[in-house]
Amino acid sequence: MIAVFNSLPVREGAAGRVAGMFRESRGSVQSFPGFVSMEVLSSEDGREVVVITRWQRREDFENWVKSPEFSRAHRGNTDGLITGHPTISFYEVELERGAG
């Protein structure tokens, strides 16, 4: 399994609004082959949103990015909330542990 970290620089104080866009989206990533989970984090200073998605394989993520569903999910208007280019990092999930 891989984890993809997508770091979005946002206008000061706008992290909650950007996170809300993900909350309100009814995107098709949840049903895309190989998708496992998604978390949306906002920084304490409100200047960054990090979207963490988990995928069975890197190829699954790459297929998502090339898909028409991805294009539809990302054509929304961010209204100047994102201030720069996102930074994407890939990680192998070596351990996942829950409460208990």
N, C-alpha and C. Protein backbone atom coordinates (compact mmCIF):
# COMPACT_ATOMS: atom_id res chain seq x y z
N MET A 1 0.86 -1.18 0.00
CA MET A 1 0.00 0.00 0.00
C MET A 1 0.90 1.23 0.00
N ILE A 2 0.44 2.28 -0.67
CA ILE A 2 1.17 3.55 -0.67
C ILE A 2 0.29 4.64 -0.07
N ALA A 3 0.96 5.67 0.45
CA ALA A 3 0.29 6.88 0.90
C ALA A 3 0.82 8.03 0.06
N VAL A 4 -0.10 8.84 -0.44
CA VAL A 4 0.26 10.00 -1.25
C VAL A 4 -0.09 11.25 -0.45
N PHE A 5 0.92 12.08 -0.20
CA PHE A 5 0.73 13.32 0.53
C PHE A 5 0.73 14.45 -0.47
N ASN A 6 -0.37 15.20 -0.52
CA ASN A 6 -0.51 16.32 -1.44
C ASN A 6 -0.62 17.58 -0.58
N SER A 7 0.44 18.36 -0.55
CA SER A 7 0.50 19.57 0.28
C SER A 7 0.10 20.78 -0.55
N LEU A 8 -0.96 21.45 -0.12
CA LEU A 8 -1.50 22.61 -0.84
C LEU A 8 -1.23 23.89 -0.05
N PRO A 9 -0.41 24.80 -0.56
CA PRO A 9 -0.25 26.10 0.11
C PRO A 9 -1.50 26.93 -0.14
N VAL A 10 -2.06 27.49 0.92
CA VAL A 10 -3.30 28.25 0.78
C VAL A 10 -3.14 29.64 1.38
N ARG A 11 -4.02 30.52 0.95
CA ARG A 11 -4.03 31.89 1.47
C ARG A 11 -4.20 31.85 2.99
N GLU A 12 -3.55 32.75 3.68
CA GLU A 12 -3.58 32.77 5.15
C GLU A 12 -5.02 32.70 5.66
N GLY A 13 -5.26 31.77 6.54
CA GLY A 13 -6.57 31.61 7.15
C GLY A 13 -7.58 30.86 6.31
N ALA A 14 -7.18 30.37 5.13
CA ALA A 14 -8.13 29.73 4.21
C ALA A 14 -8.14 28.21 4.30
N ALA A 15 -7.34 27.62 5.17
CA ALA A 15 -7.25 26.16 5.23
C ALA A 15 -8.61 25.52 5.50
N GLY A 16 -9.38 26.10 6.38
CA GLY A 16 -10.70 25.55 6.68
C GLY A 16 -11.62 25.55 5.47
N ARG A 17 -11.56 26.61 4.69
CA ARG A 17 -12.40 26.69 3.48
C ARG A 17 -11.98 25.66 2.44
N VAL A 18 -10.66 25.49 2.27
CA VAL A 18 -10.17 24.51 1.30
C VAL A 18 -10.53 23.10 1.77
N ALA A 19 -10.34 22.82 3.05
CA ALA A 19 -10.72 21.51 3.59
C ALA A 19 -12.21 21.27 3.39
N GLY A 20 -13.01 22.32 3.53
CA GLY A 20 -14.45 22.21 3.32
C GLY A 20 -14.81 21.81 1.90
N MET A 21 -13.99 22.22 0.92
CA MET A 21 -14.25 21.83 -0.46
C MET A 21 -14.15 20.31 -0.62
N PHE A 22 -13.21 19.71 0.08
CA PHE A 22 -13.09 18.25 0.04
C PHE A 22 -14.26 17.61 0.78
N ARG A 23 -14.66 18.21 1.88
CA ARG A 23 -15.77 17.68 2.68
C ARG A 23 -17.06 17.67 1.86
N GLU A 24 -17.26 18.72 1.09
CA GLU A 24 -18.50 18.87 0.31
C GLU A 24 -18.48 18.11 -1.01
N SER A 25 -17.28 17.72 -1.45
CA SER A 25 -17.21 17.05 -2.76
C SER A 25 -17.83 15.68 -2.69
N ARG A 26 -18.45 15.32 -3.75
CA ARG A 26 -19.02 13.98 -3.88
C ARG A 26 -18.27 13.26 -4.98
N GLY A 27 -16.94 13.46 -4.97
CA GLY A 27 -16.09 12.91 -6.01
C GLY A 27 -16.13 11.40 -6.07
N SER A 28 -15.63 10.90 -7.15
CA SER A 28 -15.69 9.46 -7.38
C SER A 28 -14.44 8.74 -6.92
N VAL A 29 -13.54 9.44 -6.22
CA VAL A 29 -12.32 8.77 -5.77
C VAL A 29 -12.65 7.60 -4.85
N GLN A 30 -13.71 7.72 -4.07
CA GLN A 30 -14.06 6.67 -3.11
C GLN A 30 -14.35 5.34 -3.79
N SER A 31 -14.83 5.38 -5.01
CA SER A 31 -15.16 4.13 -5.70
C SER A 31 -14.15 3.79 -6.79
N PHE A 32 -13.04 4.54 -6.85
CA PHE A 32 -12.05 4.27 -7.89
C PHE A 32 -11.24 3.03 -7.52
N PRO A 33 -10.95 2.16 -8.50
CA PRO A 33 -10.20 0.93 -8.21
C PRO A 33 -8.86 1.22 -7.52
N GLY A 34 -8.60 0.53 -6.43
CA GLY A 34 -7.36 0.66 -5.70
C GLY A 34 -7.36 1.69 -4.60
N PHE A 35 -8.39 2.56 -4.55
CA PHE A 35 -8.47 3.57 -3.50
C PHE A 35 -8.75 2.90 -2.15
N VAL A 36 -8.05 3.36 -1.11
CA VAL A 36 -8.23 2.80 0.23
C VAL A 36 -8.86 3.83 1.17
N SER A 37 -8.26 5.02 1.26
CA SER A 37 -8.79 6.01 2.20
C SER A 37 -8.25 7.40 1.89
N MET A 38 -8.85 8.40 2.52
CA MET A 38 -8.41 9.79 2.36
C MET A 38 -8.57 10.51 3.69
N GLU A 39 -7.58 11.35 3.99
CA GLU A 39 -7.64 12.27 5.13
C GLU A 39 -7.31 13.66 4.62
N VAL A 40 -7.96 14.67 5.17
CA VAL A 40 -7.67 16.06 4.82
C VAL A 40 -7.28 16.76 6.11
N LEU A 41 -6.07 17.30 6.15
CA LEU A 41 -5.54 17.96 7.34
C LEU A 41 -5.34 19.44 7.05
N SER A 42 -5.62 20.28 8.03
CA SER A 42 -5.33 21.71 7.87
C SER A 42 -4.33 22.11 8.95
N SER A 43 -3.37 22.93 8.56
CA SER A 43 -2.33 23.35 9.50
C SER A 43 -2.89 24.30 10.53
N GLU A 44 -2.22 24.36 11.66
CA GLU A 44 -2.67 25.24 12.74
C GLU A 44 -2.64 26.71 12.33
N ASP A 45 -1.68 27.07 11.47
CA ASP A 45 -1.60 28.47 11.06
C ASP A 45 -2.54 28.81 9.90
N GLY A 46 -3.26 27.79 9.39
CA GLY A 46 -4.25 28.03 8.33
C GLY A 46 -3.66 28.30 6.97
N ARG A 47 -2.37 27.97 6.75
CA ARG A 47 -1.72 28.27 5.47
C ARG A 47 -1.44 27.04 4.62
N GLU A 48 -1.85 25.88 5.10
CA GLU A 48 -1.57 24.66 4.34
C GLU A 48 -2.66 23.63 4.59
N VAL A 49 -2.99 22.92 3.53
CA VAL A 49 -3.88 21.77 3.62
C VAL A 49 -3.12 20.59 3.05
N VAL A 50 -3.12 19.48 3.78
CA VAL A 50 -2.47 18.27 3.31
C VAL A 50 -3.55 17.22 3.09
N VAL A 51 -3.58 16.67 1.88
CA VAL A 51 -4.53 15.61 1.55
C VAL A 51 -3.72 14.32 1.47
N ILE A 52 -4.08 13.37 2.31
CA ILE A 52 -3.39 12.08 2.32
C ILE A 52 -4.35 11.05 1.76
N THR A 53 -3.95 10.42 0.68
CA THR A 53 -4.75 9.32 0.15
C THR A 53 -3.91 8.06 0.23
N ARG A 54 -4.59 6.96 0.46
CA ARG A 54 -3.93 5.66 0.49
C ARG A 54 -4.48 4.82 -0.66
N TRP A 55 -3.57 4.11 -1.33
CA TRP A 55 -3.89 3.32 -2.51
C TRP A 55 -3.25 1.96 -2.38
N GLN A 56 -3.88 0.97 -2.99
CA GLN A 56 -3.31 -0.37 -2.97
C GLN A 56 -1.95 -0.38 -3.66
N ARG A 57 -1.84 0.32 -4.79
CA ARG A 57 -0.59 0.36 -5.56
C ARG A 57 -0.40 1.75 -6.15
N ARG A 58 0.82 2.10 -6.43
CA ARG A 58 1.09 3.40 -7.05
C ARG A 58 0.38 3.51 -8.40
N GLU A 59 0.31 2.41 -9.13
CA GLU A 59 -0.36 2.41 -10.43
C GLU A 59 -1.83 2.79 -10.29
N ASP A 60 -2.46 2.41 -9.20
CA ASP A 60 -3.86 2.78 -8.97
C ASP A 60 -3.99 4.31 -8.86
N PHE A 61 -3.07 4.94 -8.11
CA PHE A 61 -3.08 6.39 -8.00
C PHE A 61 -2.83 7.03 -9.37
N GLU A 62 -1.86 6.52 -10.11
CA GLU A 62 -1.55 7.08 -11.42
C GLU A 62 -2.74 6.94 -12.38
N ASN A 63 -3.45 5.82 -12.30
CA ASN A 63 -4.65 5.66 -13.13
C ASN A 63 -5.72 6.67 -12.74
N TRP A 64 -5.84 6.96 -11.45
CA TRP A 64 -6.79 7.97 -10.98
C TRP A 64 -6.45 9.34 -11.58
N VAL A 65 -5.17 9.71 -11.52
CA VAL A 65 -4.75 11.02 -12.01
C VAL A 65 -5.00 11.16 -13.52
N LYS A 66 -4.92 10.08 -14.26
CA LYS A 66 -5.13 10.10 -15.71
C LYS A 66 -6.60 9.97 -16.09
N SER A 67 -7.46 9.76 -15.14
CA SER A 67 -8.86 9.44 -15.44
C SER A 67 -9.73 10.68 -15.66
N PRO A 68 -10.84 10.51 -16.39
CA PRO A 68 -11.81 11.61 -16.53
C PRO A 68 -12.44 11.97 -15.19
N GLU A 69 -12.55 11.01 -14.29
CA GLU A 69 -13.11 11.29 -12.96
C GLU A 69 -12.23 12.28 -12.20
N PHE A 70 -10.92 12.11 -12.32
CA PHE A 70 -9.99 13.04 -11.68
C PHE A 70 -10.17 14.44 -12.25
N SER A 71 -10.25 14.54 -13.57
CA SER A 71 -10.44 15.84 -14.21
C SER A 71 -11.71 16.51 -13.72
N ARG A 72 -12.79 15.75 -13.63
CA ARG A 72 -14.05 16.32 -13.14
C ARG A 72 -13.93 16.77 -11.69
N ALA A 73 -13.27 15.98 -10.86
CA ALA A 73 -13.14 16.30 -9.44
C ALA A 73 -12.27 17.52 -9.19
N HIS A 74 -11.38 17.86 -10.13
CA HIS A 74 -10.44 18.95 -9.91
C HIS A 74 -10.69 20.18 -10.77
N ARG A 75 -11.84 20.28 -11.38
CA ARG A 75 -12.09 21.46 -12.21
C ARG A 75 -12.83 22.56 -11.45
N GLY A 76 -13.05 22.38 -10.18
CA GLY A 76 -13.75 23.38 -9.39
C GLY A 76 -12.96 24.67 -9.25
N ASN A 77 -13.63 25.72 -8.90
CA ASN A 77 -13.02 27.03 -8.73
C ASN A 77 -12.51 27.16 -7.30
N THR A 78 -11.20 27.35 -7.15
CA THR A 78 -10.63 27.53 -5.81
C THR A 78 -10.63 28.99 -5.40
N ASP A 79 -11.10 29.87 -6.28
CA ASP A 79 -11.32 31.28 -5.94
C ASP A 79 -10.10 31.94 -5.31
N GLY A 80 -8.90 31.62 -5.82
CA GLY A 80 -7.68 32.24 -5.31
C GLY A 80 -7.25 31.75 -3.95
N LEU A 81 -7.82 30.66 -3.46
CA LEU A 81 -7.47 30.16 -2.13
C LEU A 81 -6.13 29.45 -2.11
N ILE A 82 -5.77 28.81 -3.22
CA ILE A 82 -4.50 28.10 -3.29
C ILE A 82 -3.46 29.06 -3.86
N THR A 83 -2.34 29.21 -3.14
CA THR A 83 -1.38 30.27 -3.46
C THR A 83 -0.16 29.80 -4.24
N GLY A 84 -0.02 28.51 -4.45
CA GLY A 84 1.15 28.02 -5.17
C GLY A 84 0.92 26.61 -5.67
N HIS A 85 1.98 26.02 -6.17
CA HIS A 85 1.88 24.67 -6.71
C HIS A 85 1.87 23.65 -5.57
N PRO A 86 1.01 22.65 -5.66
CA PRO A 86 1.01 21.58 -4.66
C PRO A 86 2.32 20.79 -4.72
N THR A 87 2.69 20.22 -3.61
CA THR A 87 3.84 19.33 -3.52
C THR A 87 3.32 17.93 -3.22
N ILE A 88 3.71 16.96 -4.04
CA ILE A 88 3.22 15.59 -3.86
C ILE A 88 4.40 14.70 -3.48
N SER A 89 4.18 13.88 -2.43
CA SER A 89 5.18 12.92 -1.97
C SER A 89 4.54 11.56 -1.86
N PHE A 90 5.32 10.53 -2.15
CA PHE A 90 4.84 9.15 -2.10
C PHE A 90 5.58 8.38 -1.02
N TYR A 91 4.84 7.56 -0.29
CA TYR A 91 5.42 6.75 0.78
C TYR A 91 4.86 5.34 0.72
N GLU A 92 5.70 4.36 1.01
CA GLU A 92 5.23 3.00 1.21
C GLU A 92 4.69 2.91 2.63
N VAL A 93 3.53 2.33 2.80
CA VAL A 93 2.99 2.15 4.14
C VAL A 93 3.63 0.88 4.71
N GLU A 94 4.46 1.06 5.71
CA GLU A 94 5.16 -0.06 6.33
C GLU A 94 4.39 -0.63 7.51
N LEU A 95 3.60 0.21 8.15
CA LEU A 95 2.84 -0.23 9.32
C LEU A 95 1.62 0.65 9.45
N GLU A 96 0.50 0.05 9.74
CA GLU A 96 -0.72 0.80 10.04
C GLU A 96 -1.31 0.19 11.30
N ARG A 97 -1.55 1.03 12.29
CA ARG A 97 -2.03 0.53 13.57
C ARG A 97 -3.17 1.42 14.04
N GLY A 98 -4.22 0.82 14.54
CA GLY A 98 -5.35 1.56 15.08
C GLY A 98 -5.36 1.53 16.60
N ALA A 99 -6.36 2.17 17.16
CA ALA A 99 -6.50 2.20 18.62
C ALA A 99 -6.77 0.80 19.16
N GLY A 100 -6.41 0.62 20.39
CA GLY A 100 -6.76 -0.64 21.04
C GLY A 100 -5.60 -1.41 21.39
